Protein backbone atom coordinates (compact mmCIF):
# COMPACT_ATOMS: atom_id res chain seq x y z
CA UNK A 1 150.47 45.38 140.77
CA UNK A 2 153.19 45.58 138.05
CA UNK A 3 151.96 47.36 134.98
CA UNK A 4 155.30 47.15 133.10
CA UNK A 5 155.28 45.17 129.90
CA UNK A 6 157.87 42.43 129.43
CA UNK A 7 160.36 42.33 126.53
CA UNK A 8 158.11 40.06 124.39
CA UNK A 9 155.09 42.29 124.87
CA UNK A 10 157.04 45.46 123.98
CA UNK A 11 158.37 43.68 120.90
CA UNK A 12 154.90 42.66 119.86
CA UNK A 13 153.64 46.29 120.25
CA UNK A 14 156.61 47.67 118.31
CA UNK A 15 156.22 45.25 115.46
CA UNK A 16 152.50 45.81 115.05
CA UNK A 17 153.04 49.62 115.20
CA UNK A 18 155.70 49.49 112.52
CA UNK A 19 153.63 47.40 110.24
CA UNK A 20 150.62 49.73 110.60
CA UNK A 21 152.79 52.83 110.11
CA UNK A 22 154.12 51.42 106.87
CA UNK A 23 151.06 49.61 105.35
CA UNK A 24 147.95 50.93 107.12
CA UNK A 25 147.92 54.74 106.78
CA UNK A 26 144.81 56.95 106.74
CA UNK A 27 144.66 56.60 102.97
CA UNK A 28 144.60 52.84 103.35
CA UNK A 29 141.83 53.01 105.91
CA UNK A 30 139.62 55.06 103.53
CA UNK A 31 140.30 52.69 100.62
CA UNK A 32 139.48 49.60 102.72
CA UNK A 33 136.42 51.19 104.26
CA UNK A 34 135.14 51.94 100.80
CA UNK A 35 135.83 48.52 99.36
CA UNK A 36 135.96 45.64 101.94
CA UNK A 37 136.86 43.15 99.29
CA UNK A 38 140.38 44.62 99.32
CA UNK A 39 140.66 43.87 103.03
CA UNK A 40 141.34 40.19 102.34
CA UNK A 41 144.98 41.08 101.51
CA UNK A 42 145.33 42.85 104.88
CA UNK A 43 143.83 39.78 106.60
CA UNK A 44 146.43 37.55 104.93
CA UNK A 45 149.16 39.85 106.09
CA UNK A 46 147.90 39.60 109.66
CA UNK A 47 148.08 35.85 109.40
CA UNK A 48 151.61 35.99 108.08
CA UNK A 49 152.58 38.18 111.08
CA UNK A 50 150.93 35.67 113.45
CA UNK A 51 148.35 38.21 114.66
CA UNK A 52 145.41 35.90 113.85
CA UNK A 53 146.91 33.21 116.10
CA UNK A 54 147.61 35.59 118.94
CA UNK A 55 145.22 33.92 121.36
CA UNK A 56 145.67 30.37 120.18
CA UNK A 57 147.86 28.30 122.57
CA UNK A 58 151.38 27.35 121.71
CA UNK A 59 150.40 23.64 121.75
CA UNK A 60 147.86 24.35 118.95
CA UNK A 61 150.44 26.27 116.84
CA UNK A 62 149.61 29.76 118.06
CA UNK A 63 151.47 32.56 119.89
CA UNK A 64 149.92 31.75 123.28
CA UNK A 65 149.03 35.37 124.05
CA UNK A 66 146.60 36.58 126.60
CA UNK A 67 144.55 39.67 127.51
CA UNK A 68 147.56 41.96 127.80
CA UNK A 69 148.86 40.97 124.37
CA UNK A 70 145.38 41.53 122.99
CA UNK A 71 145.22 44.97 124.70
CA UNK A 72 148.50 46.04 123.02
CA UNK A 73 147.44 44.80 119.57
CA UNK A 74 143.99 46.51 119.89
CA UNK A 75 145.54 49.83 121.03
CA UNK A 76 147.68 49.79 117.86
CA UNK A 77 144.63 48.94 115.77
CA UNK A 78 142.75 51.81 117.38
CA UNK A 79 145.39 54.23 116.36
CA UNK A 80 145.29 53.03 112.74
CA UNK A 81 141.45 52.59 112.45
CA UNK A 82 141.81 48.96 111.33
CA UNK A 83 138.48 47.87 109.89
CA UNK A 84 139.03 44.09 109.84
CA UNK A 85 136.98 41.69 111.95
CA UNK A 86 139.76 41.09 114.42
CA UNK A 87 137.74 41.03 117.60
CA UNK A 88 135.10 38.73 116.12
CA UNK A 89 137.60 36.14 115.11
CA UNK A 90 140.79 36.39 117.23
CA UNK A 91 138.99 37.36 120.47
CA UNK A 92 135.47 35.84 120.32
CA UNK A 93 135.67 32.87 118.03
CA UNK A 94 139.03 31.69 119.33
CA UNK A 95 137.90 31.86 122.90
CA UNK A 96 134.82 29.81 122.21
CA UNK A 97 136.68 27.18 120.27
CA UNK A 98 139.55 27.03 122.77
CA UNK A 99 137.00 25.92 125.32
CA UNK A 100 135.93 22.99 123.13
CA UNK A 101 137.22 19.42 123.93
CA UNK A 102 140.38 18.45 122.17
CA UNK A 103 139.72 16.75 118.88
CA UNK A 104 139.94 17.02 115.12
CA UNK A 105 137.22 19.66 114.77
CA UNK A 106 138.80 21.90 117.37
CA UNK A 107 142.26 21.57 115.79
CA UNK A 108 140.91 22.22 112.31
CA UNK A 109 138.99 25.29 113.28
CA UNK A 110 141.95 26.82 115.18
CA UNK A 111 144.19 26.15 112.17
CA UNK A 112 141.73 27.85 109.90
CA UNK A 113 141.36 30.86 112.16
CA UNK A 114 145.06 31.26 112.77
CA UNK A 115 145.78 30.86 109.02
CA UNK A 116 143.18 33.30 107.95
CA UNK A 117 141.28 30.86 105.68
CA UNK A 118 138.05 31.06 107.77
CA UNK A 119 136.16 34.07 109.12
CA UNK A 120 133.53 33.72 111.84
CA UNK A 121 130.98 36.19 113.03
CA UNK A 122 128.92 36.17 116.23
CA UNK A 123 125.16 36.42 115.80
CA UNK A 124 123.90 37.05 119.32
CA UNK A 125 121.72 40.13 119.35
CA UNK A 126 118.17 40.24 118.02
CA UNK A 127 115.87 43.11 116.83
CA UNK A 128 114.01 43.26 120.16
CA UNK A 129 116.90 42.45 122.50
CA UNK A 130 118.89 45.70 122.39
CA UNK A 131 121.97 44.75 124.52
CA UNK A 132 120.43 41.82 126.49
CA UNK A 133 122.27 38.59 125.55
CA UNK A 134 119.63 36.45 127.18
CA UNK A 135 116.67 37.95 125.26
CA UNK A 136 116.80 35.17 122.60
CA UNK A 137 113.75 34.28 120.52
CA UNK A 138 115.64 32.43 117.80
CA UNK A 139 114.60 28.80 118.36
CA UNK A 140 116.65 25.62 117.76
CA UNK A 141 114.13 22.80 117.71
CA UNK A 142 115.39 19.25 118.17
CA UNK A 143 114.89 17.31 114.93
CA UNK A 144 116.14 13.91 113.63
CA UNK A 145 119.23 13.86 115.83
CA UNK A 146 120.07 17.55 115.03
CA UNK A 147 118.36 20.94 115.19
CA UNK A 148 116.31 23.25 113.08
CA UNK A 149 117.04 26.97 113.72
CA UNK A 150 114.50 29.71 113.00
CA UNK A 151 114.71 33.41 113.90
CA UNK A 152 116.37 36.72 113.25
CA UNK A 153 119.62 38.25 114.38
CA UNK A 154 120.48 42.03 114.25
CA UNK A 155 123.61 44.02 113.74
CA UNK A 156 125.92 41.03 113.25
CA UNK A 157 129.31 42.70 112.80
CA UNK A 158 131.06 41.62 109.58
CA UNK A 159 128.26 39.01 109.16
CA UNK A 160 128.11 39.51 105.37
CA UNK A 161 131.78 38.50 104.91
CA UNK A 162 131.87 35.60 107.37
CA UNK A 163 132.38 32.01 106.35
CA UNK A 164 130.62 30.66 109.45
CA UNK A 165 128.31 32.02 112.06
CA UNK A 166 128.15 31.37 115.87
CA UNK A 167 124.51 31.67 116.63
CA UNK A 168 122.73 31.82 120.01
CA UNK A 169 119.37 30.04 119.91
CA UNK A 170 116.87 28.87 122.52
CA UNK A 171 116.64 25.14 123.07
CA UNK A 172 114.72 25.35 126.33
CA UNK A 173 113.18 27.85 128.77
CA UNK A 174 111.29 31.07 128.27
CA UNK A 175 112.40 34.31 126.78
CA UNK A 176 115.16 36.18 128.78
CA UNK A 177 116.01 33.06 130.85
CA UNK A 178 119.71 32.24 131.09
CA UNK A 179 119.09 28.51 131.06
CA UNK A 180 118.05 27.15 127.80
CA UNK A 181 120.42 29.17 125.48
CA UNK A 182 122.70 27.13 123.29
CA UNK A 183 125.42 28.12 120.75
CA UNK A 184 125.78 26.71 117.29
CA UNK A 185 128.51 26.91 114.70
CA UNK A 186 126.87 27.14 111.21
CA UNK A 187 127.97 27.52 107.66
CA UNK A 188 127.00 30.99 106.56
CA UNK A 189 125.96 29.66 103.19
CA UNK A 190 123.69 26.93 104.57
CA UNK A 191 120.16 26.61 103.09
CA UNK A 192 117.59 28.80 104.87
CA UNK A 193 119.94 31.68 105.76
CA UNK A 194 119.25 35.20 104.44
CA UNK A 195 122.01 37.80 104.97
CA UNK A 196 121.52 41.52 104.26
CA UNK A 197 124.71 43.49 104.73
CA UNK A 198 125.00 47.21 105.31
CA UNK A 199 127.76 49.78 106.15
CA UNK A 200 128.16 51.23 109.65
CA UNK A 201 129.08 54.81 110.47
CA UNK A 202 132.74 53.89 111.30
CA UNK A 203 133.68 52.31 107.93
CA UNK A 204 132.81 48.73 108.96
CA UNK A 205 130.13 46.30 107.84
CA UNK A 206 127.22 44.60 109.66
CA UNK A 207 124.31 42.45 108.69
CA UNK A 208 120.73 41.46 109.46
CA UNK A 209 120.46 37.72 109.33
CA UNK A 210 117.32 35.63 109.19
CA UNK A 211 117.22 31.85 109.74
CA UNK A 212 114.35 29.80 108.25
CA UNK A 213 114.36 26.12 109.32
CA UNK A 214 118.16 25.87 109.00
CA UNK A 215 119.08 22.30 109.72
CA UNK A 216 122.30 21.47 111.47
CA UNK A 217 123.68 18.29 113.08
CA UNK A 218 124.40 17.83 116.71
CA UNK A 219 128.04 18.41 116.06
CA UNK A 220 127.28 22.13 115.39
CA UNK A 221 126.73 22.63 119.12
CA UNK A 222 129.34 24.73 120.92
CA UNK A 223 129.50 24.61 124.77
CA UNK A 224 126.96 22.47 126.61
CA UNK A 225 123.37 22.14 125.45
CA UNK A 226 121.16 24.78 127.27
CA UNK A 227 124.28 26.32 128.99
CA UNK A 228 125.60 28.71 126.28
CA UNK A 229 124.66 31.85 128.17
CA UNK A 230 127.76 31.75 130.46
CA UNK A 231 130.06 31.07 127.60
CA UNK A 232 128.49 33.85 125.53
CA UNK A 233 128.79 36.28 128.48
CA UNK A 234 132.43 35.49 128.94
CA UNK A 235 133.45 36.03 125.32
CA UNK A 236 131.48 39.19 125.09
CA UNK A 237 133.30 40.45 128.21
CA UNK A 238 136.53 39.80 126.29
CA UNK A 239 135.27 41.61 123.22
CA UNK A 240 134.38 44.61 125.45
CA UNK A 241 137.88 44.58 127.00
CA UNK A 242 139.40 44.47 123.49
CA UNK A 243 137.19 47.35 122.33
CA UNK A 244 138.18 49.43 125.31
CA UNK A 245 141.85 49.03 124.45
CA UNK A 246 141.05 49.97 120.78
CA UNK A 247 139.27 53.13 122.06
CA UNK A 248 142.37 54.10 124.08
CA UNK A 249 144.47 53.83 120.88
CA UNK A 250 141.99 56.08 118.97
CA UNK A 251 141.92 58.60 121.82
CA UNK A 252 145.67 58.71 121.89
CA UNK A 253 145.82 59.46 118.23
CA UNK A 254 143.15 62.14 118.55
CA UNK A 255 145.16 63.83 121.29
CA UNK A 256 148.23 63.82 119.15
CA UNK A 257 146.48 65.20 116.08
CA UNK A 258 144.86 67.94 118.15
CA UNK A 259 148.03 69.03 119.89
CA UNK A 260 149.81 69.12 116.57
CA UNK A 261 147.03 71.28 115.13
CA UNK A 262 147.13 73.74 118.05
CA UNK A 263 150.93 74.13 117.55
CA UNK A 264 150.74 74.73 113.81
CA UNK A 265 147.38 76.66 113.32
CA UNK A 266 148.08 80.38 113.68
CA UNK A 267 145.75 83.36 114.29
CA UNK A 268 146.95 86.87 114.69
CA UNK A 269 150.53 85.88 114.12
CA UNK A 270 150.76 83.21 116.82
CA UNK A 271 149.80 79.51 117.28
CA UNK A 272 146.37 79.11 118.82
CA UNK A 273 147.91 76.69 121.26
CA UNK A 274 149.19 79.69 123.24
CA UNK A 275 145.64 80.55 124.19
CA UNK A 276 145.20 79.47 127.83
CA UNK A 277 141.59 78.45 127.30
CA UNK A 278 142.59 75.94 124.55
CA UNK A 279 145.41 74.74 126.69
CA UNK A 280 142.91 73.86 129.43
CA UNK A 281 140.74 71.99 126.94
CA UNK A 282 143.61 69.82 125.60
CA UNK A 283 144.72 69.19 129.16
CA UNK A 284 141.18 67.82 129.81
CA UNK A 285 141.64 65.62 126.76
CA UNK A 286 144.99 64.29 128.12
CA UNK A 287 143.43 63.51 131.59
CA UNK A 288 140.58 61.66 129.91
CA UNK A 289 142.97 59.54 127.88
CA UNK A 290 144.89 58.48 131.03
CA UNK A 291 141.65 57.67 132.78
CA UNK A 292 140.58 55.51 129.93
CA UNK A 293 144.03 53.77 129.74
CA UNK A 294 143.81 52.92 133.39
CA UNK A 295 140.35 51.34 133.06
CA UNK A 296 141.29 49.42 129.88
CA UNK A 297 144.22 47.95 131.86
CA UNK A 298 141.94 47.00 134.68
CA UNK A 299 139.47 45.29 132.33
CA UNK A 300 142.42 43.28 130.76
CA UNK A 301 143.71 42.34 134.24
CA UNK A 302 140.28 41.12 135.43
CA UNK A 303 139.08 39.34 132.29
CA UNK A 304 140.25 35.91 133.50
CA UNK A 305 138.91 36.42 137.08
CA UNK A 306 137.04 33.32 138.31
CA UNK A 307 134.69 35.60 140.27
CA UNK A 308 131.92 36.47 137.77
CA UNK A 309 130.81 39.53 139.69
CA UNK A 310 134.32 40.94 140.08
CA UNK A 311 134.99 40.38 136.37
CA UNK A 312 131.73 41.96 135.16
CA UNK A 313 132.13 45.02 137.46
CA UNK A 314 135.62 45.67 136.03
CA UNK A 315 134.28 45.27 132.47
CA UNK A 316 131.22 47.53 133.05
CA UNK A 317 133.26 50.09 134.85
CA UNK A 318 135.75 50.24 131.99
CA UNK A 319 133.03 50.41 129.35
CA UNK A 320 131.33 53.36 131.20
CA UNK A 321 134.70 55.23 131.53
CA UNK A 322 135.62 54.59 127.97
CA UNK A 323 132.33 55.79 126.62
CA UNK A 324 132.41 59.04 128.64
CA UNK A 325 136.09 59.74 127.91
CA UNK A 326 135.74 58.85 124.29
CA UNK A 327 132.86 61.32 123.82
CA UNK A 328 134.86 64.11 125.57
CA UNK A 329 138.01 63.54 123.62
CA UNK A 330 136.14 63.22 120.33
CA UNK A 331 134.10 66.35 120.81
CA UNK A 332 137.03 68.44 121.94
CA UNK A 333 139.19 67.22 118.95
CA UNK A 334 136.43 68.10 116.51
CA UNK A 335 135.77 71.56 118.09
CA UNK A 336 139.47 72.44 118.38
CA UNK A 337 140.01 71.62 114.69
CA UNK A 338 137.07 73.86 113.83
CA UNK A 339 135.16 73.26 110.63
CA UNK A 340 138.03 71.07 109.27
CA UNK A 341 137.28 68.53 111.97
CA UNK A 342 134.04 67.60 110.33
CA UNK A 343 135.42 67.04 106.83
CA UNK A 344 136.38 63.67 105.20
CA UNK A 345 139.84 65.06 104.46
CA UNK A 346 141.01 64.84 107.99
CA UNK A 347 140.90 61.67 110.17
CA UNK A 348 139.54 63.37 113.19
CA UNK A 349 135.91 62.77 112.30
CA UNK A 350 136.55 59.12 111.55
CA UNK A 351 138.12 58.55 114.99
CA UNK A 352 135.13 60.15 116.63
CA UNK A 353 132.74 58.02 114.67
CA UNK A 354 134.76 54.86 115.76
CA UNK A 355 134.69 55.93 119.37
CA UNK A 356 130.92 56.45 119.04
CA UNK A 357 130.50 53.02 117.53
CA UNK A 358 132.62 51.37 120.31
CA UNK A 359 130.37 53.12 122.90
CA UNK A 360 127.32 51.48 121.27
CA UNK A 361 129.00 48.02 121.00
CA UNK A 362 127.73 45.41 123.52
CA UNK A 363 126.12 48.03 125.65
CA UNK A 364 126.42 51.79 125.94
CA UNK A 365 127.19 53.91 128.91
CA UNK A 366 123.66 53.92 130.32
CA UNK A 367 123.35 50.08 129.98
CA UNK A 368 126.59 49.37 131.79
CA UNK A 369 125.78 51.91 134.56
CA UNK A 370 122.62 49.92 135.20
CA UNK A 371 124.50 46.66 134.99
CA UNK A 372 127.09 47.90 137.41
CA UNK A 373 124.48 48.86 139.88
CA UNK A 374 122.86 45.47 139.68
CA UNK A 375 126.28 43.84 140.40
CA UNK A 376 126.72 45.96 143.48
């Protein structure tokens, strides 16, 4: 398998890196994490650069990118600690809408997503469900040619800044059954929706959302009625692959910061990096980064595999490796920086928080070990 990037992919990675180096430094991350209203300017800049239309086909006015292009962008975002809802919109929402039949609604939604004028959040998990996508108790009852939704969704990433919500709800079947789950695209300001936002440990936002007899038309349905579980599973796999790439970028930056610290921090008249014990620890960090990079590439290569089992095994395997390597790299970076590694003045702690949040997103290490075992 050829793992070399082509010229267009290298150009994309270089252009994103240059923009982030110039306009998204650590000071910018802290400012945007403290006030997410300022992030709209960054979102508009992403639209101008074409990053929001990365996964939209060329026939729909997008860049026509795929999993490898997403991997390159997410690695750069991981290095810069970008807090914007990129995965929720460019990876998840675009993938679901791309699968819709050609028509005016599909074209309009893709134009809005690519232009940055509409933000969409995925409301799939519930208070009792933990990581199980099929544990859905939100009900969409058929009513007057449409549906009435009632239920609760938990930890909806960037749900308090979304213009629309993609909501999983049960239209048939019993709890935890795959059959009977449907997906709905709903205006976030619709009557009957209550949104309570809160900050997360990594500088982002999430929300608890409650639906009380929210009425929508039949045109709000995404994918086929009762068959939304498969579509939901596919887009969540894409989100996991994107987060794995982001984690690799964060680990790369932690390794660089730690190596620089060992070369400049002196004790007894010499850099602490000359101590063999510390050299061994940073070597372990470097090995972990390379292992994580390999698994992130595998996840990106397998994300479009028609074989569901093969795809899910690659995704779960990558998620497990990313979680374990992220913890090792983060812990070593903090410890090798000493007390400074825990302060808000250095980015080290923020990277470790982001790696921890990525491990908890869409299933932690233990969840994906179990899932991998079931797939065997």
